[in-house]
Protein backbone atom coordinates (compact mmCIF):
# COMPACT_ATOMS: atom_id res chain seq x y z
CA ALA A 1 0.00 -0.09 0.03
CA ARG A 2 1.17 3.46 -0.79
CA GLY A 3 0.18 6.96 0.54
CA PRO A 4 0.34 8.84 3.94
CA ALA A 5 -1.17 6.03 6.05
CA ALA A 6 1.18 3.44 4.73
CA ALA A 7 4.25 5.99 5.18
CA ALA A 8 3.09 6.55 8.70
CA ALA A 9 2.88 2.78 9.41
CA ALA A 10 6.29 2.28 8.06
CA ALA A 11 7.63 5.12 10.33
CA ASP A 12 6.07 3.54 13.36
CA ASP A 13 7.97 0.34 12.63
CA ASP A 14 11.14 2.31 13.25
CA ASP A 15 10.09 2.68 16.85
CA ALA A 16 10.20 -1.12 17.32
CA PRO A 17 12.47 -2.27 20.05
CA GLY A 18 16.16 -2.99 18.84
CA ALA A 19 15.52 -0.62 15.80
CA GLU A 20 18.30 1.84 14.83
CA PRO A 21 17.44 5.25 15.75
CA SER A 22 16.18 7.15 12.66
CA ALA A 23 17.01 10.64 11.50
CA GLY A 24 14.63 13.33 12.72
CA GLU A 25 11.65 14.21 10.58
CA VAL A 26 11.81 17.53 8.56
CA LEU A 27 8.27 18.80 8.35
CA LEU A 28 9.01 22.10 6.69
CA ALA A 29 12.18 23.84 5.44
CA LEU A 30 11.22 26.79 3.52
CA VAL A 31 12.10 30.28 2.43
CA THR A 32 8.84 32.35 1.85
CA THR A 33 7.19 35.55 1.25
CA ASP A 34 4.26 34.55 3.39
CA PRO A 35 3.67 35.78 6.89
CA LEU A 36 4.88 33.27 9.64
CA ASP A 37 2.88 32.00 12.56
CA ALA A 38 4.60 30.57 15.53
CA ALA A 39 1.48 28.83 16.86
CA GLU A 40 1.09 27.06 13.40
CA ALA A 41 4.82 25.89 13.49
CA GLN A 42 4.47 24.51 17.03
CA ARG A 43 1.19 22.71 16.09
CA ALA A 44 2.81 21.13 13.11
CA VAL A 45 5.66 19.44 15.10
CA GLN A 46 3.41 17.90 17.89
CA HIS A 47 3.19 14.12 18.10
CA PRO A 48 1.99 11.80 20.73
CA ARG A 49 5.53 10.50 21.17
CA CYS A 50 6.97 13.94 21.74
CA GLY A 51 6.76 15.33 25.33
CA ALA A 52 8.43 18.69 24.38
CA VAL A 53 7.73 21.40 21.91
CA VAL A 54 10.31 24.23 21.66
CA GLY A 55 9.79 27.28 19.47
CA PHE A 56 11.84 30.24 18.33
CA SER A 57 10.53 33.43 16.70
CA GLY A 58 12.94 35.85 15.24
CA VAL A 59 10.87 39.08 15.43
CA ILE A 60 11.85 42.50 13.86
CA ARG A 61 12.90 44.92 16.57
CA ASP A 62 13.10 48.73 16.45
CA HIS A 63 16.91 48.88 16.99
CA ASP A 64 19.92 47.29 15.83
CA GLY A 65 23.72 47.57 16.41
CA GLY A 66 23.30 50.17 19.03
CA LYS A 67 21.10 52.37 16.71
CA ASP A 68 17.36 53.03 17.60
CA GLY A 69 14.77 53.96 15.08
CA VAL A 70 14.53 50.96 12.79
CA THR A 71 11.24 51.35 10.95
CA ALA A 72 11.19 48.38 8.51
CA LEU A 73 13.50 45.66 7.10
CA GLU A 74 13.53 44.08 3.56
CA TYR A 75 15.22 40.55 3.39
CA SER A 76 16.61 39.33 0.12
CA ALA A 77 17.81 35.87 -0.50
CA HIS A 78 20.12 34.27 -3.00
CA PRO A 79 18.40 31.83 -5.45
CA SER A 80 19.99 28.93 -3.52
CA ALA A 81 18.48 29.99 -0.21
CA GLY A 82 15.72 27.38 -0.21
CA GLU A 83 18.08 24.61 -0.97
CA VAL A 84 20.45 25.69 1.65
CA MET A 85 17.69 25.88 4.05
CA ARG A 86 16.54 22.26 3.29
CA ASP A 87 20.22 20.93 3.69
CA VAL A 88 20.64 22.82 7.10
CA VAL A 89 17.28 21.45 8.54
CA GLY A 90 18.24 17.94 7.19
CA GLU A 91 21.58 18.39 8.94
CA ILE A 92 20.00 18.90 12.17
CA ALA A 93 17.59 16.10 11.60
CA SER A 94 20.46 13.70 11.07
CA ALA A 95 22.22 14.88 14.14
CA HIS A 96 19.13 14.56 16.31
CA PRO A 97 17.20 11.24 15.63
CA ASP A 98 13.56 11.26 16.64
CA VAL A 99 12.98 15.03 16.50
CA ARG A 100 10.48 16.66 14.39
CA LEU A 101 11.59 19.96 12.76
CA TRP A 102 9.80 22.84 11.11
CA ALA A 103 11.77 26.04 9.87
CA ALA A 104 10.72 28.94 7.77
CA HIS A 105 12.54 32.28 6.97
CA ARG A 106 10.54 35.13 5.39
CA ILE A 107 11.91 37.43 2.78
CA GLY A 108 10.56 40.70 1.28
CA ALA A 109 9.29 43.78 3.23
CA LEU A 110 8.83 43.36 6.93
CA ALA A 111 7.65 45.85 9.73
CA VAL A 112 8.55 46.05 13.42
CA GLY A 113 6.92 43.19 15.20
CA ASP A 114 6.87 40.87 12.21
CA SER A 115 8.29 37.39 12.39
CA ALA A 116 11.36 36.86 10.06
CA LEU A 117 12.22 33.30 11.29
CA GLU A 118 10.23 30.63 12.98
CA VAL A 119 11.65 27.30 14.05
CA ALA A 120 9.73 24.54 15.93
CA VAL A 121 11.20 21.49 17.35
CA ALA A 122 9.47 18.53 18.90
CA ALA A 123 11.29 15.74 20.86
CA GLY A 124 10.81 13.16 23.49
CA HIS A 125 12.32 15.25 26.15
CA ARG A 126 13.11 19.03 26.50
CA ARG A 127 16.89 18.94 26.49
CA GLU A 128 17.03 17.35 22.99
CA ALA A 129 14.38 19.88 21.95
CA PHE A 130 16.30 22.86 23.16
CA GLU A 131 19.42 21.74 21.75
CA ALA A 132 18.22 20.85 18.24
CA CYS A 133 16.44 24.18 18.24
CA ALA A 134 19.39 26.28 19.29
CA GLN A 135 21.58 24.55 16.83
CA LEU A 136 19.06 24.98 13.94
CA VAL A 137 18.63 28.52 14.46
CA ASP A 138 22.45 29.20 14.63
CA LEU A 139 22.94 27.32 11.35
CA ILE A 140 20.17 29.04 9.59
CA LYS A 141 21.73 32.42 10.43
CA GLU A 142 25.23 31.15 9.66
CA ARG A 143 24.60 29.37 6.28
CA VAL A 144 21.30 30.31 4.65
CA PRO A 145 22.07 33.21 2.19
CA ILE A 146 19.63 35.74 3.33
CA TRP A 147 20.50 39.56 3.90
CA LYS A 148 18.42 42.29 5.40
CA ARG A 149 18.38 45.96 4.47
CA GLN A 150 17.32 47.97 7.54
CA SER A 151 15.60 51.46 7.31
CA PHE A 152 15.75 53.92 9.98
CA GLU A 153 13.64 56.95 11.06
CA ASP A 154 16.33 59.40 9.85
CA GLY A 155 16.13 58.03 6.20
CA GLN A 156 19.40 56.14 6.41
CA HIS A 157 19.67 52.41 5.79
CA ASN A 158 22.27 49.69 6.11
CA TRP A 159 22.72 46.02 4.93
CA VAL A 160 23.19 43.10 7.49
CA GLY A 161 24.49 39.68 6.67
CA LEU A 162 26.41 40.52 3.49
CA ASP A 163 29.60 39.17 4.96
CA ALA A 164 27.79 35.71 5.48
């Protein structure tokens, strides 16, 4: 049999006693122009075998680098950003068997208070969920080729992440 039910049944076989630990499950790894929702991300990773759900929201703030007055940001991405995002999330899934991962980075024009990055991780226990989430956020910021142009109240702007 094929389809989602058959895939779920096959995945459950991996939980059998003596089975090798499997790689974590990547539910979403995306670069998008759509608004992001932390609650949606956390709901997506929930599973009866997971006792811990950890989320991270990267929210646009009104200051950066010691300068107040950020009014807006515009995120730009290299054409490879989606592929790099999938690779990064897959790397964390491989390093953390039995976690469930959801990660999305928004590009385009964002305002103060908007979410630019949402990550959610579910695991059997909190320590693994926190560790996987922190590692995933760090790798996304380090490797995914996304840059931001910040605009300030005084009309100035600057680019962040061009050295990445």
